Amino acid sequence: MTPPTRPAAKERLPLPAATSAADADVALIVALNNQFSADGLTLPRTPEFVRAHLSDYRIVRGPDGSIWGQVALDEYSPSLCELVSLAVAPAAQGKGLGRHLIAAAVDLANRRGYPQLFAVSLADTLFLGAGFMQSSIDQYPEKIWRYRAISRSELSIGKKFLFVRDLPPTAARRPRKTRSRRPGVRGPRK
């Protein structure tokens, strides 16, 4: 008698690279993002918003060239940045694209020198699994102000979670040793 066989594990194929978005992608980005906005999963985006933030978007394309997923950064200040517009096409879900896109956003934020990245989402296990820690929206009054400018209901849709991830210091953010102008005291060198 042969032992029962287990079903084969779902094979994960390598994911396509997350790349910068181009002008030709604007309408596709808006369409993918906004298909989730009615349920409060993303904020609605206009073509004008996407064009103004095009360099902040990362996309993953499927074999047919369609956009399978997207993510963007939204800068509040040189020290505060939010991960926004994370969306994966329904046909591409379950392949690890969400985590892949989060990693692309973290990489972009780190290369730009942000000390921290935050996100507001209903997907708590996704962000916790990507190295984020749960926090409170009260820590980010800038986000509360933006929500109020858009719609007060954004603060109360479902149980949204705020996640934050500290980013490692980059050369641009590392404190430099300085030299003083006074003899015998370290400070900037002239």
C-alpha atoms as a PDB file:
ATOM      1  CA  MET A   1       0.000   0.000   0.000  1.00  0.00           C
ATOM      2  CA  THR A   2       1.378   3.393  -0.936  1.00  0.00           C
ATOM      3  CA  PRO A   3       1.279   6.214   1.582  1.00  0.00           C
ATOM      4  CA  PRO A   4      -1.053   9.096   0.784  1.00  0.00           C
ATOM      5  CA  THR A   5       0.650  11.964  -0.978  1.00  0.00           C
ATOM      6  CA  ARG A   6       0.420  15.531   0.127  1.00  0.00           C
ATOM      7  CA  PRO A   7      -0.703  18.136  -2.322  1.00  0.00           C
ATOM      8  CA  ALA A   8       2.233  20.009  -3.806  1.00  0.00           C
ATOM      9  CA  ALA A   9       3.075  23.237  -2.004  1.00  0.00           C
ATOM     10  CA  LYS A  10       2.145  26.358  -3.869  1.00  0.00           C
ATOM     11  CA  GLU A  11       5.266  27.287  -5.785  1.00  0.00           C
ATOM     12  CA  ARG A  12       6.265  30.929  -5.541  1.00  0.00           C
ATOM     13  CA  LEU A  13       7.790  32.183  -8.721  1.00  0.00           C
ATOM     14  CA  PRO A  14      10.262  35.058  -8.566  1.00  0.00           C
ATOM     15  CA  LEU A  15       8.389  38.339  -8.554  1.00  0.00           C
ATOM     16  CA  PRO A  16       9.046  40.926 -11.252  1.00  0.00           C
ATOM     17  CA  ALA A  17      11.072  43.919 -10.122  1.00  0.00           C
ATOM     18  CA  ALA A  18       9.236  46.943  -8.811  1.00  0.00           C
ATOM     19  CA  THR A  19      10.076  49.765 -11.204  1.00  0.00           C
ATOM     20  CA  SER A  20       9.429  53.480 -11.493  1.00  0.00           C
ATOM     21  CA  ALA A  21       6.142  54.512 -13.048  1.00  0.00           C
ATOM     22  CA  ALA A  22       5.975  56.470 -16.302  1.00  0.00           C
ATOM     23  CA  ASP A  23       3.541  59.029 -17.747  1.00  0.00           C
ATOM     24  CA  ALA A  24       1.848  56.281 -19.750  1.00  0.00           C
ATOM     25  CA  ASP A  25       1.012  54.488 -16.466  1.00  0.00           C
ATOM     26  CA  VAL A  26      -1.028  57.308 -14.889  1.00  0.00           C
ATOM     27  CA  ALA A  27      -4.490  56.121 -16.007  1.00  0.00           C
ATOM     28  CA  LEU A  28      -3.700  52.507 -15.054  1.00  0.00           C
ATOM     29  CA  ILE A  29      -2.451  53.555 -11.615  1.00  0.00           C
ATOM     30  CA  VAL A  30      -5.578  55.639 -10.981  1.00  0.00           C
ATOM     31  CA  ALA A  31      -7.848  52.779 -12.109  1.00  0.00           C
ATOM     32  CA  LEU A  32      -6.107  50.142  -9.944  1.00  0.00           C
ATOM     33  CA  ASN A  33      -6.004  52.404  -6.903  1.00  0.00           C
ATOM     34  CA  ASN A  34      -9.589  53.594  -7.166  1.00  0.00           C
ATOM     35  CA  GLN A  35     -11.092  50.142  -7.525  1.00  0.00           C
ATOM     36  CA  PHE A  36     -10.314  49.759  -3.792  1.00  0.00           C
ATOM     37  CA  SER A  37     -11.275  53.263  -2.642  1.00  0.00           C
ATOM     38  CA  ALA A  38     -15.053  52.683  -2.404  1.00  0.00           C
ATOM     39  CA  ASP A  39     -14.383  50.112   0.346  1.00  0.00           C
ATOM     40  CA  GLY A  40     -12.031  52.483   2.203  1.00  0.00           C
ATOM     41  CA  LEU A  41      -8.962  50.386   1.409  1.00  0.00           C
ATOM     42  CA  THR A  42      -7.248  53.227  -0.475  1.00  0.00           C
ATOM     43  CA  LEU A  43      -7.891  56.932  -0.725  1.00  0.00           C
ATOM     44  CA  PRO A  44      -9.248  58.015  -4.115  1.00  0.00           C
ATOM     45  CA  ARG A  45      -6.544  59.315  -6.446  1.00  0.00           C
ATOM     46  CA  THR A  46      -6.875  61.647  -9.401  1.00  0.00           C
ATOM     47  CA  PRO A  47      -4.685  61.685 -12.503  1.00  0.00           C
ATOM     48  CA  GLU A  48      -3.362  65.058 -11.267  1.00  0.00           C
ATOM     49  CA  PHE A  49      -2.292  63.575  -7.927  1.00  0.00           C
ATOM     50  CA  VAL A  50      -0.557  60.637  -9.612  1.00  0.00           C
ATOM     51  CA  ARG A  51       1.216  62.871 -12.157  1.00  0.00           C
ATOM     52  CA  ALA A  52       2.423  65.167  -9.360  1.00  0.00           C
ATOM     53  CA  HIS A  53       3.798  62.132  -7.437  1.00  0.00           C
ATOM     54  CA  LEU A  54       4.881  59.955 -10.371  1.00  0.00           C
ATOM     55  CA  SER A  55       8.490  59.689  -9.169  1.00  0.00           C
ATOM     56  CA  ASP A  56       7.147  58.418  -5.825  1.00  0.00           C
ATOM     57  CA  TYR A  57       5.333  55.429  -7.372  1.00  0.00           C
ATOM     58  CA  ARG A  58       6.716  51.929  -7.814  1.00  0.00           C
ATOM     59  CA  ILE A  59       4.829  49.426  -9.944  1.00  0.00           C
ATOM     60  CA  VAL A  60       5.063  45.725 -10.733  1.00  0.00           C
ATOM     61  CA  ARG A  61       3.978  44.559 -14.166  1.00  0.00           C
ATOM     62  CA  GLY A  62       2.551  41.211 -15.145  1.00  0.00           C
ATOM     63  CA  PRO A  63       3.837  39.222 -18.141  1.00  0.00           C
ATOM     64  CA  ASP A  64       1.290  40.977 -20.373  1.00  0.00           C
ATOM     65  CA  GLY A  65       2.562  44.440 -19.346  1.00  0.00           C
ATOM     66  CA  SER A  66      -0.455  45.262 -17.175  1.00  0.00           C
ATOM     67  CA  ILE A  67       0.107  46.749 -13.732  1.00  0.00           C
ATOM     68  CA  TRP A  68      -0.228  43.975 -11.167  1.00  0.00           C
ATOM     69  CA  GLY A  69       0.511  46.200  -8.195  1.00  0.00           C
ATOM     70  CA  GLN A  70       1.590  49.627  -7.072  1.00  0.00           C
ATOM     71  CA  VAL A  71       2.747  51.610  -4.066  1.00  0.00           C
ATOM     72  CA  ALA A  72       3.807  55.206  -3.503  1.00  0.00           C
ATOM     73  CA  LEU A  73       5.454  57.477  -0.974  1.00  0.00           C
ATOM     74  CA  ASP A  74       3.831  60.698   0.185  1.00  0.00           C
ATOM     75  CA  GLU A  75       6.164  63.173   1.859  1.00  0.00           C
ATOM     76  CA  TYR A  76       4.841  65.306   4.706  1.00  0.00           C
ATOM     77  CA  SER A  77       8.230  66.857   5.504  1.00  0.00           C
ATOM     78  CA  PRO A  78      11.888  65.934   4.956  1.00  0.00           C
ATOM     79  CA  SER A  79      11.648  63.727   8.048  1.00  0.00           C
ATOM     80  CA  LEU A  80       8.141  62.275   7.645  1.00  0.00           C
ATOM     81  CA  CYS A  81       6.902  60.040   4.858  1.00  0.00           C
ATOM     82  CA  GLU A  82       3.853  57.807   4.411  1.00  0.00           C
ATOM     83  CA  LEU A  83       3.497  54.637   2.351  1.00  0.00           C
ATOM     84  CA  VAL A  84       0.285  55.148   0.314  1.00  0.00           C
ATOM     85  CA  SER A  85      -1.691  53.697  -2.581  1.00  0.00           C
ATOM     86  CA  LEU A  86      -0.679  50.090  -1.958  1.00  0.00           C
ATOM     87  CA  ALA A  87      -2.872  48.086  -4.323  1.00  0.00           C
ATOM     88  CA  VAL A  88      -2.599  44.672  -5.955  1.00  0.00           C
ATOM     89  CA  ALA A  89      -4.883  43.673  -8.832  1.00  0.00           C
ATOM     90  CA  PRO A  90      -7.337  40.941  -7.774  1.00  0.00           C
ATOM     91  CA  ALA A  91      -5.950  38.513 -10.374  1.00  0.00           C
ATOM     92  CA  ALA A  92      -2.420  38.968  -8.958  1.00  0.00           C
ATOM     93  CA  GLN A  93      -3.259  38.644  -5.263  1.00  0.00           C
ATOM     94  CA  GLY A  94      -1.839  35.784  -3.214  1.00  0.00           C
ATOM     95  CA  LYS A  95       1.576  35.862  -4.908  1.00  0.00           C
ATOM     96  CA  GLY A  96       3.410  37.950  -2.298  1.00  0.00           C
ATOM     97  CA  LEU A  97       3.160  41.190  -4.298  1.00  0.00           C
ATOM     98  CA  GLY A  98       1.925  43.248  -1.341  1.00  0.00           C
ATOM     99  CA  ARG A  99       5.003  42.480   0.714  1.00  0.00           C
ATOM    100  CA  HIS A 100       7.202  42.887  -2.388  1.00  0.00           C
ATOM    101  CA  LEU A 101       5.776  46.370  -3.006  1.00  0.00           C
ATOM    102  CA  ILE A 102       6.150  47.344   0.652  1.00  0.00           C
ATOM    103  CA  ALA A 103       9.834  46.346   0.434  1.00  0.00           C
ATOM    104  CA  ALA A 104      10.204  48.541  -2.677  1.00  0.00           C
ATOM    105  CA  ALA A 105       8.652  51.496  -0.819  1.00  0.00           C
ATOM    106  CA  VAL A 106      10.900  50.926   2.210  1.00  0.00           C
ATOM    107  CA  ASP A 107      13.932  50.825  -0.092  1.00  0.00           C
ATOM    108  CA  LEU A 108      12.906  54.059  -1.833  1.00  0.00           C
ATOM    109  CA  ALA A 109      12.223  55.824   1.489  1.00  0.00           C
ATOM    110  CA  ASN A 110      15.571  54.683   2.848  1.00  0.00           C
ATOM    111  CA  ARG A 111      17.446  55.811  -0.291  1.00  0.00           C
ATOM    112  CA  ARG A 112      15.768  59.220   0.018  1.00  0.00           C
ATOM    113  CA  GLY A 113      16.979  59.516   3.592  1.00  0.00           C
ATOM    114  CA  TYR A 114      13.753  59.340   5.583  1.00  0.00           C
ATOM    115  CA  PRO A 115      14.362  58.189   9.162  1.00  0.00           C
ATOM    116  CA  GLN A 116      10.924  56.603   9.416  1.00  0.00           C
ATOM    117  CA  LEU A 117       8.069  55.402   7.222  1.00  0.00           C
ATOM    118  CA  PHE A 118       4.461  55.023   8.321  1.00  0.00           C
ATOM    119  CA  ALA A 119       1.325  53.542   6.780  1.00  0.00           C
ATOM    120  CA  VAL A 120      -2.367  53.422   7.622  1.00  0.00           C
ATOM    121  CA  SER A 121      -4.032  50.168   6.646  1.00  0.00           C
ATOM    122  CA  LEU A 122      -6.553  47.485   7.508  1.00  0.00           C
ATOM    123  CA  ALA A 123      -3.936  44.842   6.599  1.00  0.00           C
ATOM    124  CA  ASP A 124      -2.290  44.448   9.990  1.00  0.00           C
ATOM    125  CA  THR A 125      -0.621  41.070   9.383  1.00  0.00           C
ATOM    126  CA  LEU A 126       0.869  42.265   6.087  1.00  0.00           C
ATOM    127  CA  PHE A 127       2.610  45.263   7.638  1.00  0.00           C
ATOM    128  CA  LEU A 128       3.634  43.485  10.838  1.00  0.00           C
ATOM    129  CA  GLY A 129       5.164  40.740   8.692  1.00  0.00           C
ATOM    130  CA  ALA A 130       7.079  43.389   6.722  1.00  0.00           C
ATOM    131  CA  GLY A 131       8.890  44.724   9.786  1.00  0.00           C
ATOM    132  CA  PHE A 132       6.499  47.502  10.793  1.00  0.00           C
ATOM    133  CA  MET A 133       5.316  48.060  14.352  1.00  0.00           C
ATOM    134  CA  GLN A 134       1.774  49.027  15.250  1.00  0.00           C
ATOM    135  CA  SER A 135       1.470  52.573  16.548  1.00  0.00           C
ATOM    136  CA  SER A 136      -1.219  55.191  17.057  1.00  0.00           C
ATOM    137  CA  ILE A 137      -2.469  57.735  14.555  1.00  0.00           C
ATOM    138  CA  ASP A 138      -2.318  60.211  17.448  1.00  0.00           C
ATOM    139  CA  GLN A 139       1.477  60.167  16.974  1.00  0.00           C
ATOM    140  CA  TYR A 140       0.980  61.700  13.517  1.00  0.00           C
ATOM    141  CA  PRO A 141      -1.195  64.826  13.744  1.00  0.00           C
ATOM    142  CA  GLU A 142      -0.209  65.633  10.149  1.00  0.00           C
ATOM    143  CA  LYS A 143      -2.114  62.539   9.019  1.00  0.00           C
ATOM    144  CA  ILE A 144      -5.161  63.423  11.105  1.00  0.00           C
ATOM    145  CA  TRP A 145      -5.197  66.910   9.537  1.00  0.00           C
ATOM    146  CA  ARG A 146      -5.028  65.411   6.039  1.00  0.00           C
ATOM    147  CA  TYR A 147      -7.848  62.973   6.808  1.00  0.00           C
ATOM    148  CA  ARG A 148      -9.997  65.810   8.094  1.00  0.00           C
ATOM    149  CA  ALA A 149      -9.303  67.814   4.928  1.00  0.00           C
ATOM    150  CA  ILE A 150     -10.427  64.846   2.794  1.00  0.00           C
ATOM    151  CA  SER A 151     -13.300  63.488   4.853  1.00  0.00           C
ATOM    152  CA  ARG A 152     -13.968  63.023   8.545  1.00  0.00           C
ATOM    153  CA  SER A 153     -15.225  59.512   7.724  1.00  0.00           C
ATOM    154  CA  GLU A 154     -11.652  58.474   6.875  1.00  0.00           C
ATOM    155  CA  LEU A 155     -10.894  58.549  10.591  1.00  0.00           C
ATOM    156  CA  SER A 156     -13.726  56.136  11.338  1.00  0.00           C
ATOM    157  CA  ILE A 157     -13.903  53.668   8.412  1.00  0.00           C
ATOM    158  CA  GLY A 158     -13.507  50.199   9.894  1.00  0.00           C
ATOM    159  CA  LYS A 159     -10.592  49.477  12.180  1.00  0.00           C
ATOM    160  CA  LYS A 160      -7.640  51.110  10.487  1.00  0.00           C
ATOM    161  CA  PHE A 161      -4.237  50.528  11.996  1.00  0.00           C
ATOM    162  CA  LEU A 162      -1.208  52.767  11.862  1.00  0.00           C
ATOM    163  CA  PHE A 163       2.143  51.089  11.316  1.00  0.00           C
ATOM    164  CA  VAL A 164       5.598  52.583  11.555  1.00  0.00           C
ATOM    165  CA  ARG A 165       9.024  51.353  10.584  1.00  0.00           C
ATOM    166  CA  ASP A 166      12.286  52.995  11.562  1.00  0.00           C
ATOM    167  CA  LEU A 167      14.763  53.023   8.706  1.00  0.00           C
ATOM    168  CA  PRO A 168      18.485  52.455   9.176  1.00  0.00           C
ATOM    169  CA  PRO A 169      20.654  55.560   9.021  1.00  0.00           C
ATOM    170  CA  THR A 170      22.094  56.269   5.606  1.00  0.00           C
ATOM    171  CA  ALA A 171      25.233  58.235   4.819  1.00  0.00           C
ATOM    172  CA  ALA A 172      23.038  61.283   4.235  1.00  0.00           C
ATOM    173  CA  ARG A 173      21.596  61.064   7.772  1.00  0.00           C
ATOM    174  CA  ARG A 174      24.589  59.895   9.803  1.00  0.00           C
ATOM    175  CA  PRO A 175      25.808  62.580  12.178  1.00  0.00           C
ATOM    176  CA  ARG A 176      29.204  63.878  11.162  1.00  0.00           C
ATOM    177  CA  LYS A 177      32.074  64.543  13.497  1.00  0.00           C
ATOM    178  CA  THR A 178      32.796  68.242  13.510  1.00  0.00           C
ATOM    179  CA  ARG A 179      35.686  70.452  14.501  1.00  0.00           C
ATOM    180  CA  SER A 180      35.477  73.670  16.489  1.00  0.00           C
ATOM    181  CA  ARG A 181      37.137  76.891  15.364  1.00  0.00           C
ATOM    182  CA  ARG A 182      38.740  77.210  18.770  1.00  0.00           C
ATOM    183  CA  PRO A 183      42.177  75.604  19.171  1.00  0.00           C
ATOM    184  CA  GLY A 184      42.109  72.317  21.045  1.00  0.00           C
ATOM    185  CA  VAL A 185      38.353  71.821  20.561  1.00  0.00           C
ATOM    186  CA  ARG A 186      36.966  69.505  17.901  1.00  0.00           C
ATOM    187  CA  GLY A 187      34.648  71.148  15.407  1.00  0.00           C
ATOM    188  CA  PRO A 188      34.224  71.830  11.657  1.00  0.00           C
ATOM    189  CA  ARG A 189      37.420  72.117   9.670  1.00  0.00           C
ATOM    190  CA  LYS A 190      37.682  75.242   7.527  1.00  0.00           C
END
